[in-house]
Amino acid sequence: MRLLVLSLVVLVVGPSTVPAEPSSASGALTETSENFHVRSYGGGPSAADVLKNCEALRAQCRHTWFPTEQERTWRPLCTVVLHASRASYLQAVGRGGAQTSGSSLVRFDGDRVATRRIDLLVVRAGQTSALAHELTHVVLADRFGARCPPRWLDEGIATLADAAAKQSLHERDFRRALHGGAALRLVDLLRLEQFTSAEQVPAFYGQSLSLVRFLAERDEPAKIVDFAAAATVEGYDRALQKHYGIHDVAALESRWREYADSRRKAPAEQPIVAVGYRP
C-alpha cells in the first residue's frame, strides 16, 4: 500500500492519516537493531525474528536495486509495528487501509528523513506477509529522497518482493486488462500518481509488475532505478535512450507488449528474473 501527501516540506509514503502510537499493552515485545525498532505484542511473532528479517530484507533490497550506493545507517530508525487485529491496524493507518495488511510511511523534513514506519497486520499463524513489500517502499523512498520514486516503479519493484502466488494474481489482472481493453497506455502508466477509477487499480499493479520484470530481464535490475531517477529529471525518452538504447516511450511500449504477449502464450517456458527477495 502506498499513498502520497505532499506539502512544502513533508512527503508521506503510506496512509494520509498519521499513525497513532500503539498502546503499551501488557506483554508487548520490542527489539532494536542498527536500522530498525520492532514492536510486537504478547503472544505475537517474535520481535527478534522479525528484526532479523527486516535487516536481511533491507540488505537484499539495496543489493538488488542499487548495489553501488554507499551503505548508510538509518537515522531515524525504521519503526515496525505488528498488530494483532484489524481494529488495531486501522487505528494506526486509517480507514484507507481497510483492504490492506501492510502500510509504510516515510516523512521528510526538507531533504532529511524525519520518520520511517511500517505497520503490519499479523495474519495466518503469525505471518507478516506484507513486510517485504512495505520495506521495499521505505528503501526506495530513501534512494529517491523527497522527490519520491515514480509510482509504477515503486509498486512494480515492491510487488516483485511479494510471494509468487500474489504476483500471479497481478499478472492475471494485467492479462484481463489487455484482453478487455482496460490496460493503460504506457505514457499514462509512467505518469500516473493518483487513481481516477477503481478499474484502474488492478490494471496498474499488473502492468507495473510486468514492466519492471521486462526491464529487469532485459538488463541488470539495478539499471531500472537509475533509469527512473534520470527520467524524473530529463524525461522518459532521453532516459530510455541513455540507459536502454530505446528511442522513446512508444518503442518501449511496443517491445514490452510483445514480451507480455509471449508470457501469456507460453508462461511455463518464460524465464522469470530472480530479483525477488524474501527471508
C-alpha atoms as a PDB file:
ATOM      1  CA  MET A   1       0.000   0.000   0.000  1.00  0.00           C
ATOM      2  CA  ARG A   2       1.313   3.469  -0.825  1.00  0.00           C
ATOM      3  CA  LEU A   3      -0.446   6.803  -0.722  1.00  0.00           C
ATOM      4  CA  LEU A   4       1.105  10.258  -1.007  1.00  0.00           C
ATOM      5  CA  VAL A   5       0.524  13.509   0.810  1.00  0.00           C
ATOM      6  CA  LEU A   6       2.672  16.488  -0.235  1.00  0.00           C
ATOM      7  CA  SER A   7       3.240  19.806   1.493  1.00  0.00           C
ATOM      8  CA  LEU A   8       6.058  22.323   1.266  1.00  0.00           C
ATOM      9  CA  VAL A   9       8.378  20.315   3.472  1.00  0.00           C
ATOM     10  CA  VAL A  10       6.743  16.916   4.033  1.00  0.00           C
ATOM     11  CA  LEU A  11       6.439  13.789   1.913  1.00  0.00           C
ATOM     12  CA  VAL A  12       4.437  10.898   3.323  1.00  0.00           C
ATOM     13  CA  VAL A  13       4.624   7.404   1.839  1.00  0.00           C
ATOM     14  CA  GLY A  14       1.824   5.421   3.441  1.00  0.00           C
ATOM     15  CA  PRO A  15      -1.724   6.342   4.504  1.00  0.00           C
ATOM     16  CA  SER A  16      -2.636  10.003   4.653  1.00  0.00           C
ATOM     17  CA  THR A  17      -3.521   9.586   8.323  1.00  0.00           C
ATOM     18  CA  VAL A  18      -0.542   9.933  10.652  1.00  0.00           C
ATOM     19  CA  PRO A  19      -0.308   6.608  12.538  1.00  0.00           C
ATOM     20  CA  ALA A  20      -1.268   6.588  16.172  1.00  0.00           C
ATOM     21  CA  GLU A  21       1.234   5.214  18.630  1.00  0.00           C
ATOM     22  CA  PRO A  22       0.386   1.664  19.750  1.00  0.00           C
ATOM     23  CA  SER A  23      -0.776   1.210  23.317  1.00  0.00           C
ATOM     24  CA  SER A  24       1.719  -0.240  25.768  1.00  0.00           C
ATOM     25  CA  ALA A  25      -0.310  -3.388  26.338  1.00  0.00           C
ATOM     26  CA  SER A  26       0.892  -5.938  28.837  1.00  0.00           C
ATOM     27  CA  GLY A  27       3.281  -8.444  27.289  1.00  0.00           C
ATOM     28  CA  ALA A  28       4.273  -6.232  24.333  1.00  0.00           C
ATOM     29  CA  LEU A  29       7.744  -7.053  22.991  1.00  0.00           C
ATOM     30  CA  THR A  30      10.314  -4.699  21.455  1.00  0.00           C
ATOM     31  CA  GLU A  31      13.714  -5.223  19.851  1.00  0.00           C
ATOM     32  CA  THR A  32      16.146  -2.745  18.292  1.00  0.00           C
ATOM     33  CA  SER A  33      18.948  -3.192  15.745  1.00  0.00           C
ATOM     34  CA  GLU A  34      21.175  -0.887  13.741  1.00  0.00           C
ATOM     35  CA  ASN A  35      18.355   0.201  11.408  1.00  0.00           C
ATOM     36  CA  PHE A  36      15.073  -0.970  12.949  1.00  0.00           C
ATOM     37  CA  HIS A  37      12.920  -0.884  16.058  1.00  0.00           C
ATOM     38  CA  VAL A  38      10.284  -3.659  16.126  1.00  0.00           C
ATOM     39  CA  ARG A  39       7.206  -3.637  18.367  1.00  0.00           C
ATOM     40  CA  SER A  40       5.281  -6.891  18.741  1.00  0.00           C
ATOM     41  CA  TYR A  41       2.624  -7.891  21.303  1.00  0.00           C
ATOM     42  CA  GLY A  42       2.038 -10.604  23.857  1.00  0.00           C
ATOM     43  CA  GLY A  43       1.558 -13.913  22.039  1.00  0.00           C
ATOM     44  CA  GLY A  44       2.564 -12.349  18.739  1.00  0.00           C
ATOM     45  CA  PRO A  45       5.534 -13.030  16.438  1.00  0.00           C
ATOM     46  CA  SER A  46       8.973 -12.833  17.968  1.00  0.00           C
ATOM     47  CA  ALA A  47      10.222  -9.263  17.701  1.00  0.00           C
ATOM     48  CA  ALA A  48      13.782 -10.624  17.485  1.00  0.00           C
ATOM     49  CA  ASP A  49      12.896 -12.827  14.494  1.00  0.00           C
ATOM     50  CA  VAL A  50      11.093 -10.002  12.698  1.00  0.00           C
ATOM     51  CA  LEU A  51      14.070  -7.748  13.367  1.00  0.00           C
ATOM     52  CA  LYS A  52      16.436 -10.240  11.711  1.00  0.00           C
ATOM     53  CA  ASN A  53      14.130 -10.485   8.702  1.00  0.00           C
ATOM     54  CA  CYS A  54      13.987  -6.691   8.420  1.00  0.00           C
ATOM     55  CA  GLU A  55      17.760  -6.326   8.351  1.00  0.00           C
ATOM     56  CA  ALA A  56      18.130  -9.187   5.853  1.00  0.00           C
ATOM     57  CA  LEU A  57      15.426  -7.799   3.561  1.00  0.00           C
ATOM     58  CA  ARG A  58      16.868  -4.305   3.677  1.00  0.00           C
ATOM     59  CA  ALA A  59      20.314  -5.615   2.723  1.00  0.00           C
ATOM     60  CA  GLN A  60      18.926  -7.754  -0.118  1.00  0.00           C
ATOM     61  CA  CYS A  61      16.778  -4.932  -1.453  1.00  0.00           C
ATOM     62  CA  ARG A  62      19.682  -2.489  -1.523  1.00  0.00           C
ATOM     63  CA  HIS A  63      21.984  -5.078  -3.122  1.00  0.00           C
ATOM     64  CA  THR A  64      19.442  -5.801  -5.866  1.00  0.00           C
ATOM     65  CA  TRP A  65      18.360  -2.287  -6.800  1.00  0.00           C
ATOM     66  CA  PHE A  66      21.345  -0.016  -6.033  1.00  0.00           C
ATOM     67  CA  PRO A  67      24.356  -2.185  -5.196  1.00  0.00           C
ATOM     68  CA  THR A  68      26.974   0.513  -5.755  1.00  0.00           C
ATOM     69  CA  GLU A  69      25.497   3.042  -3.334  1.00  0.00           C
ATOM     70  CA  GLN A  70      27.366   3.631  -0.112  1.00  0.00           C
ATOM     71  CA  GLU A  71      25.783   1.943   2.892  1.00  0.00           C
ATOM     72  CA  ARG A  72      24.268   4.367   5.359  1.00  0.00           C
ATOM     73  CA  THR A  73      22.748   3.522   8.717  1.00  0.00           C
ATOM     74  CA  TRP A  74      19.170   4.718   9.015  1.00  0.00           C
ATOM     75  CA  ARG A  75      18.605   7.655  11.306  1.00  0.00           C
ATOM     76  CA  PRO A  76      15.902   7.796  12.400  1.00  0.00           C
ATOM     77  CA  LEU A  77      15.406   4.069  12.735  1.00  0.00           C
ATOM     78  CA  CYS A  78      12.526   2.432  10.874  1.00  0.00           C
ATOM     79  CA  THR A  79       9.839   1.515  13.395  1.00  0.00           C
ATOM     80  CA  VAL A  80       7.970  -1.715  12.546  1.00  0.00           C
ATOM     81  CA  VAL A  81       4.706  -2.206  14.458  1.00  0.00           C
ATOM     82  CA  LEU A  82       2.896  -5.568  14.469  1.00  0.00           C
ATOM     83  CA  HIS A  83      -0.867  -5.575  15.012  1.00  0.00           C
ATOM     84  CA  ALA A  84      -2.877  -8.485  16.359  1.00  0.00           C
ATOM     85  CA  SER A  85      -6.229  -7.271  14.996  1.00  0.00           C
ATOM     86  CA  ARG A  86      -7.548  -5.286  12.069  1.00  0.00           C
ATOM     87  CA  ALA A  87      -9.064  -2.794  14.503  1.00  0.00           C
ATOM     88  CA  SER A  88      -5.617  -2.041  15.922  1.00  0.00           C
ATOM     89  CA  TYR A  89      -4.113  -1.861  12.436  1.00  0.00           C
ATOM     90  CA  LEU A  90      -6.779   0.546  11.145  1.00  0.00           C
ATOM     91  CA  GLN A  91      -6.441   2.713  14.231  1.00  0.00           C
ATOM     92  CA  ALA A  92      -2.803   3.188  13.258  1.00  0.00           C
ATOM     93  CA  VAL A  93      -3.059   3.561   9.466  1.00  0.00           C
ATOM     94  CA  GLY A  94      -6.545   4.950   8.949  1.00  0.00           C
ATOM     95  CA  ARG A  95      -9.621   3.629   7.166  1.00  0.00           C
ATOM     96  CA  GLY A  96      -7.903   3.936   3.811  1.00  0.00           C
ATOM     97  CA  GLY A  97      -6.031   0.749   4.699  1.00  0.00           C
ATOM     98  CA  ALA A  98      -9.166  -1.364   5.097  1.00  0.00           C
ATOM     99  CA  GLN A  99      -8.252  -3.685   2.213  1.00  0.00           C
ATOM    100  CA  THR A 100      -4.565  -3.992   3.125  1.00  0.00           C
ATOM    101  CA  SER A 101      -2.387  -5.895   5.594  1.00  0.00           C
ATOM    102  CA  GLY A 102       0.630  -3.572   5.471  1.00  0.00           C
ATOM    103  CA  SER A 103       1.376   0.124   5.212  1.00  0.00           C
ATOM    104  CA  SER A 104       4.586   2.164   5.029  1.00  0.00           C
ATOM    105  CA  LEU A 105       5.216   5.777   5.910  1.00  0.00           C
ATOM    106  CA  VAL A 106       8.256   7.938   5.195  1.00  0.00           C
ATOM    107  CA  ARG A 107       8.079  11.604   6.154  1.00  0.00           C
ATOM    108  CA  PHE A 108      10.653  14.157   5.039  1.00  0.00           C
ATOM    109  CA  ASP A 109      11.510  17.459   6.638  1.00  0.00           C
ATOM    110  CA  GLY A 110      13.138  19.193   3.693  1.00  0.00           C
ATOM    111  CA  ASP A 111      15.767  16.738   2.421  1.00  0.00           C
ATOM    112  CA  ARG A 112      16.058  14.960   5.777  1.00  0.00           C
ATOM    113  CA  VAL A 113      14.047  11.850   6.659  1.00  0.00           C
ATOM    114  CA  ALA A 114      12.023  12.628   9.789  1.00  0.00           C
ATOM    115  CA  THR A 115      10.048   9.364  10.111  1.00  0.00           C
ATOM    116  CA  ARG A 116      10.264   5.798   8.833  1.00  0.00           C
ATOM    117  CA  ARG A 117       7.487   3.431   9.862  1.00  0.00           C
ATOM    118  CA  ILE A 118       5.840   0.176   8.765  1.00  0.00           C
ATOM    119  CA  ASP A 119       2.572  -1.174  10.201  1.00  0.00           C
ATOM    120  CA  LEU A 120       1.751  -4.857   9.638  1.00  0.00           C
ATOM    121  CA  LEU A 121      -1.414  -6.808  10.324  1.00  0.00           C
ATOM    122  CA  VAL A 122      -0.387 -10.267  11.528  1.00  0.00           C
ATOM    123  CA  VAL A 123      -2.364 -12.972   9.707  1.00  0.00           C
ATOM    124  CA  ARG A 124      -2.461 -16.745   9.441  1.00  0.00           C
ATOM    125  CA  ALA A 125      -0.433 -18.169  12.291  1.00  0.00           C
ATOM    126  CA  GLY A 126       1.806 -15.205  12.893  1.00  0.00           C
ATOM    127  CA  GLN A 127       2.701 -14.375   9.277  1.00  0.00           C
ATOM    128  CA  THR A 128       3.732 -10.859   8.304  1.00  0.00           C
ATOM    129  CA  SER A 129       3.303 -11.395   4.580  1.00  0.00           C
ATOM    130  CA  ALA A 130       3.370  -7.697   3.678  1.00  0.00           C
ATOM    131  CA  LEU A 131       6.772  -6.985   5.264  1.00  0.00           C
ATOM    132  CA  ALA A 132       8.952  -7.350   2.151  1.00  0.00           C
ATOM    133  CA  HIS A 133       6.573  -5.246   0.040  1.00  0.00           C
ATOM    134  CA  GLU A 134       6.323  -2.396   2.538  1.00  0.00           C
ATOM    135  CA  LEU A 135      10.018  -2.410   3.378  1.00  0.00           C
ATOM    136  CA  THR A 136      10.774  -2.022  -0.333  1.00  0.00           C
ATOM    137  CA  HIS A 137       8.787   1.223  -0.340  1.00  0.00           C
ATOM    138  CA  VAL A 138      10.857   2.525   2.569  1.00  0.00           C
ATOM    139  CA  VAL A 139      14.170   1.609   0.930  1.00  0.00           C
ATOM    140  CA  LEU A 140      13.181   3.189  -2.398  1.00  0.00           C
ATOM    141  CA  ALA A 141      11.999   6.355  -0.675  1.00  0.00           C
ATOM    142  CA  ASP A 142      15.431   6.580   0.930  1.00  0.00           C
ATOM    143  CA  ARG A 143      17.056   6.323  -2.524  1.00  0.00           C
ATOM    144  CA  PHE A 144      14.887   8.986  -4.181  1.00  0.00           C
ATOM    145  CA  GLY A 145      14.526  11.327  -1.227  1.00  0.00           C
ATOM    146  CA  ALA A 146      11.781  13.937  -1.119  1.00  0.00           C
ATOM    147  CA  ARG A 147      11.304  13.710  -4.922  1.00  0.00           C
ATOM    148  CA  CYS A 148       9.518  10.356  -4.445  1.00  0.00           C
ATOM    149  CA  PRO A 149      10.003   7.436  -6.871  1.00  0.00           C
ATOM    150  CA  PRO A 150       7.572   7.178  -9.800  1.00  0.00           C
ATOM    151  CA  ARG A 151       4.583   5.165  -8.697  1.00  0.00           C
ATOM    152  CA  TRP A 152       4.915   2.470 -11.393  1.00  0.00           C
ATOM    153  CA  LEU A 153       8.478   1.836 -10.242  1.00  0.00           C
ATOM    154  CA  ASP A 154       7.643   1.899  -6.535  1.00  0.00           C
ATOM    155  CA  GLU A 155       4.754  -0.561  -6.820  1.00  0.00           C
ATOM    156  CA  GLY A 156       6.322  -2.720  -9.520  1.00  0.00           C
ATOM    157  CA  ILE A 157       9.508  -3.320  -7.540  1.00  0.00           C
ATOM    158  CA  ALA A 158       7.617  -3.781  -4.267  1.00  0.00           C
ATOM    159  CA  THR A 159       5.341  -6.364  -5.903  1.00  0.00           C
ATOM    160  CA  LEU A 160       8.403  -8.341  -7.024  1.00  0.00           C
ATOM    161  CA  ALA A 161       9.089  -8.837  -3.311  1.00  0.00           C
ATOM    162  CA  ASP A 162       5.657 -10.462  -2.818  1.00  0.00           C
ATOM    163  CA  ALA A 163       5.017 -14.177  -2.805  1.00  0.00           C
ATOM    164  CA  ALA A 164       4.773 -15.861  -6.215  1.00  0.00           C
ATOM    165  CA  ALA A 165       1.049 -16.547  -5.731  1.00  0.00           C
ATOM    166  CA  LYS A 166       0.308 -12.857  -5.254  1.00  0.00           C
ATOM    167  CA  GLN A 167       2.421 -11.929  -8.279  1.00  0.00           C
ATOM    168  CA  SER A 168       0.432 -14.422 -10.339  1.00  0.00           C
ATOM    169  CA  LEU A 169      -2.801 -12.650  -9.376  1.00  0.00           C
ATOM    170  CA  HIS A 170      -1.394  -9.329 -10.548  1.00  0.00           C
ATOM    171  CA  GLU A 171      -0.294 -10.900 -13.825  1.00  0.00           C
ATOM    172  CA  ARG A 172      -3.812 -12.317 -14.233  1.00  0.00           C
ATOM    173  CA  ASP A 173      -5.252  -8.827 -13.749  1.00  0.00           C
ATOM    174  CA  PHE A 174      -2.859  -7.485 -16.383  1.00  0.00           C
ATOM    175  CA  ARG A 175      -3.905 -10.141 -18.905  1.00  0.00           C
ATOM    176  CA  ARG A 176      -7.563  -9.365 -18.251  1.00  0.00           C
ATOM    177  CA  ALA A 177      -6.925  -5.650 -18.734  1.00  0.00           C
ATOM    178  CA  LEU A 178      -5.137  -6.300 -22.033  1.00  0.00           C
ATOM    179  CA  HIS A 179      -7.895  -8.600 -23.261  1.00  0.00           C
ATOM    180  CA  GLY A 180     -10.672  -6.267 -22.133  1.00  0.00           C
ATOM    181  CA  GLY A 181      -9.098  -3.062 -23.408  1.00  0.00           C
ATOM    182  CA  ALA A 182      -8.698  -1.603 -19.910  1.00  0.00           C
ATOM    183  CA  ALA A 183      -4.887  -1.534 -19.907  1.00  0.00           C
ATOM    184  CA  LEU A 184      -3.297   1.869 -19.526  1.00  0.00           C
ATOM    185  CA  ARG A 185      -1.191   3.297 -22.340  1.00  0.00           C
ATOM    186  CA  LEU A 186       2.437   3.212 -21.276  1.00  0.00           C
ATOM    187  CA  VAL A 187       2.729   7.006 -21.362  1.00  0.00           C
ATOM    188  CA  ASP A 188      -0.171   7.167 -18.885  1.00  0.00           C
ATOM    189  CA  LEU A 189       1.200   4.372 -16.712  1.00  0.00           C
ATOM    190  CA  LEU A 190       4.538   6.144 -16.340  1.00  0.00           C
ATOM    191  CA  ARG A 191       2.886   9.401 -15.280  1.00  0.00           C
ATOM    192  CA  LEU A 192       0.093   8.092 -13.070  1.00  0.00           C
ATOM    193  CA  GLU A 193       0.215   9.125  -9.418  1.00  0.00           C
ATOM    194  CA  GLN A 194      -3.458   9.118  -8.400  1.00  0.00           C
ATOM    195  CA  PHE A 195      -6.159   6.665  -9.491  1.00  0.00           C
ATOM    196  CA  THR A 196      -9.212   8.152 -11.177  1.00  0.00           C
ATOM    197  CA  SER A 197     -11.352   4.983 -11.017  1.00  0.00           C
ATOM    198  CA  ALA A 198     -11.459   1.659  -9.201  1.00  0.00           C
ATOM    199  CA  GLU A 199     -10.971  -0.130 -12.539  1.00  0.00           C
ATOM    200  CA  GLN A 200      -7.501   1.399 -12.904  1.00  0.00           C
ATOM    201  CA  VAL A 201      -6.125  -0.235  -9.759  1.00  0.00           C
ATOM    202  CA  PRO A 202      -5.742  -3.915 -10.797  1.00  0.00           C
ATOM    203  CA  ALA A 203      -4.545  -2.950 -14.272  1.00  0.00           C
ATOM    204  CA  PHE A 204      -1.986  -0.525 -12.836  1.00  0.00           C
ATOM    205  CA  TYR A 205      -0.479  -3.031 -10.416  1.00  0.00           C
ATOM    206  CA  GLY A 206      -0.370  -5.794 -13.018  1.00  0.00           C
ATOM    207  CA  GLN A 207       1.167  -3.533 -15.665  1.00  0.00           C
ATOM    208  CA  SER A 208       3.723  -2.070 -13.243  1.00  0.00           C
ATOM    209  CA  LEU A 209       4.868  -5.554 -12.221  1.00  0.00           C
ATOM    210  CA  SER A 210       5.084  -6.664 -15.863  1.00  0.00           C
ATOM    211  CA  LEU A 211       7.052  -3.581 -16.931  1.00  0.00           C
ATOM    212  CA  VAL A 212       9.562  -3.896 -14.080  1.00  0.00           C
ATOM    213  CA  ARG A 213      10.005  -7.608 -14.811  1.00  0.00           C
ATOM    214  CA  PHE A 214      10.539  -6.895 -18.516  1.00  0.00           C
ATOM    215  CA  LEU A 215      13.220  -4.284 -17.826  1.00  0.00           C
ATOM    216  CA  ALA A 216      14.888  -6.477 -15.195  1.00  0.00           C
ATOM    217  CA  GLU A 217      15.127  -9.360 -17.645  1.00  0.00           C
ATOM    218  CA  ARG A 218      16.463  -7.058 -20.365  1.00  0.00           C
ATOM    219  CA  ASP A 219      19.457  -5.801 -18.349  1.00  0.00           C
ATOM    220  CA  GLU A 220      20.804  -5.557 -14.813  1.00  0.00           C
ATOM    221  CA  PRO A 221      17.883  -4.996 -12.395  1.00  0.00           C
ATOM    222  CA  ALA A 222      19.673  -2.025 -10.776  1.00  0.00           C
ATOM    223  CA  LYS A 223      19.545  -0.153 -14.101  1.00  0.00           C
ATOM    224  CA  ILE A 224      15.778   0.293 -13.648  1.00  0.00           C
ATOM    225  CA  VAL A 225      16.272   2.562 -10.646  1.00  0.00           C
ATOM    226  CA  ASP A 226      18.916   4.644 -12.431  1.00  0.00           C
ATOM    227  CA  PHE A 227      16.634   4.919 -15.467  1.00  0.00           C
ATOM    228  CA  ALA A 228      13.646   6.042 -13.398  1.00  0.00           C
ATOM    229  CA  ALA A 229      15.747   8.544 -11.451  1.00  0.00           C
ATOM    230  CA  ALA A 230      17.065  10.011 -14.697  1.00  0.00           C
ATOM    231  CA  ALA A 231      13.549  10.160 -16.167  1.00  0.00           C
ATOM    232  CA  THR A 232      12.341  12.364 -13.301  1.00  0.00           C
ATOM    233  CA  VAL A 233      14.966  14.924 -14.308  1.00  0.00           C
ATOM    234  CA  GLU A 234      15.352  14.701 -18.101  1.00  0.00           C
ATOM    235  CA  GLY A 235      12.202  12.910 -19.269  1.00  0.00           C
ATOM    236  CA  TYR A 236      11.478   9.305 -20.258  1.00  0.00           C
ATOM    237  CA  ASP A 237      12.541   9.460 -23.900  1.00  0.00           C
ATOM    238  CA  ARG A 238      16.025  10.760 -23.135  1.00  0.00           C
ATOM    239  CA  ALA A 239      16.418   8.380 -20.163  1.00  0.00           C
ATOM    240  CA  LEU A 240      15.389   5.404 -22.328  1.00  0.00           C
ATOM    241  CA  GLN A 241      17.976   6.273 -24.959  1.00  0.00           C
ATOM    242  CA  LYS A 242      20.685   6.702 -22.354  1.00  0.00           C
ATOM    243  CA  HIS A 243      20.064   3.601 -20.241  1.00  0.00           C
ATOM    244  CA  TYR A 244      18.456   1.072 -22.622  1.00  0.00           C
ATOM    245  CA  GLY A 245      19.188   2.264 -26.137  1.00  0.00           C
ATOM    246  CA  ILE A 246      15.437   2.520 -26.823  1.00  0.00           C
ATOM    247  CA  HIS A 247      14.347   5.525 -28.859  1.00  0.00           C
ATOM    248  CA  ASP A 248      11.252   6.615 -26.947  1.00  0.00           C
ATOM    249  CA  VAL A 249       8.268   5.537 -24.843  1.00  0.00           C
ATOM    250  CA  ALA A 250       6.350   4.358 -27.918  1.00  0.00           C
ATOM    251  CA  ALA A 251       9.190   1.996 -28.871  1.00  0.00           C
ATOM    252  CA  LEU A 252       9.373   0.716 -25.292  1.00  0.00           C
ATOM    253  CA  GLU A 253       5.645   0.055 -25.275  1.00  0.00           C
ATOM    254  CA  SER A 254       5.882  -1.960 -28.478  1.00  0.00           C
ATOM    255  CA  ARG A 255       8.663  -4.171 -27.123  1.00  0.00           C
ATOM    256  CA  TRP A 256       7.014  -4.564 -23.728  1.00  0.00           C
ATOM    257  CA  ARG A 257       3.661  -5.559 -25.244  1.00  0.00           C
ATOM    258  CA  GLU A 258       5.435  -8.215 -27.337  1.00  0.00           C
ATOM    259  CA  TYR A 259       7.075  -9.503 -24.161  1.00  0.00           C
ATOM    260  CA  ALA A 260       3.771  -9.546 -22.273  1.00  0.00           C
ATOM    261  CA  ASP A 261       2.083 -11.394 -25.128  1.00  0.00           C
ATOM    262  CA  SER A 262       4.841 -14.026 -25.211  1.00  0.00           C
ATOM    263  CA  ARG A 263       4.400 -14.674 -21.475  1.00  0.00           C
ATOM    264  CA  ARG A 264       0.647 -15.011 -21.941  1.00  0.00           C
ATOM    265  CA  LYS A 265       1.026 -17.554 -24.737  1.00  0.00           C
ATOM    266  CA  ALA A 266       3.746 -19.682 -23.128  1.00  0.00           C
ATOM    267  CA  PRO A 267       4.140 -18.718 -19.451  1.00  0.00           C
ATOM    268  CA  ALA A 268       5.701 -22.045 -18.450  1.00  0.00           C
ATOM    269  CA  GLU A 269       8.590 -21.549 -20.868  1.00  0.00           C
ATOM    270  CA  GLN A 270       9.374 -17.955 -19.954  1.00  0.00           C
ATOM    271  CA  PRO A 271      12.297 -17.181 -17.621  1.00  0.00           C
ATOM    272  CA  ILE A 272      11.475 -15.190 -14.519  1.00  0.00           C
ATOM    273  CA  VAL A 273      14.287 -12.971 -13.359  1.00  0.00           C
ATOM    274  CA  ALA A 274      15.411 -13.804  -9.838  1.00  0.00           C
ATOM    275  CA  VAL A 275      15.031 -10.351  -8.303  1.00  0.00           C
ATOM    276  CA  GLY A 276      12.599 -11.271  -5.557  1.00  0.00           C
ATOM    277  CA  TYR A 277      13.988 -11.090  -2.045  1.00  0.00           C
ATOM    278  CA  ARG A 278      12.370 -12.869   0.869  1.00  0.00           C
ATOM    279  CA  PRO A 279      13.853 -14.080   4.169  1.00  0.00           C
END
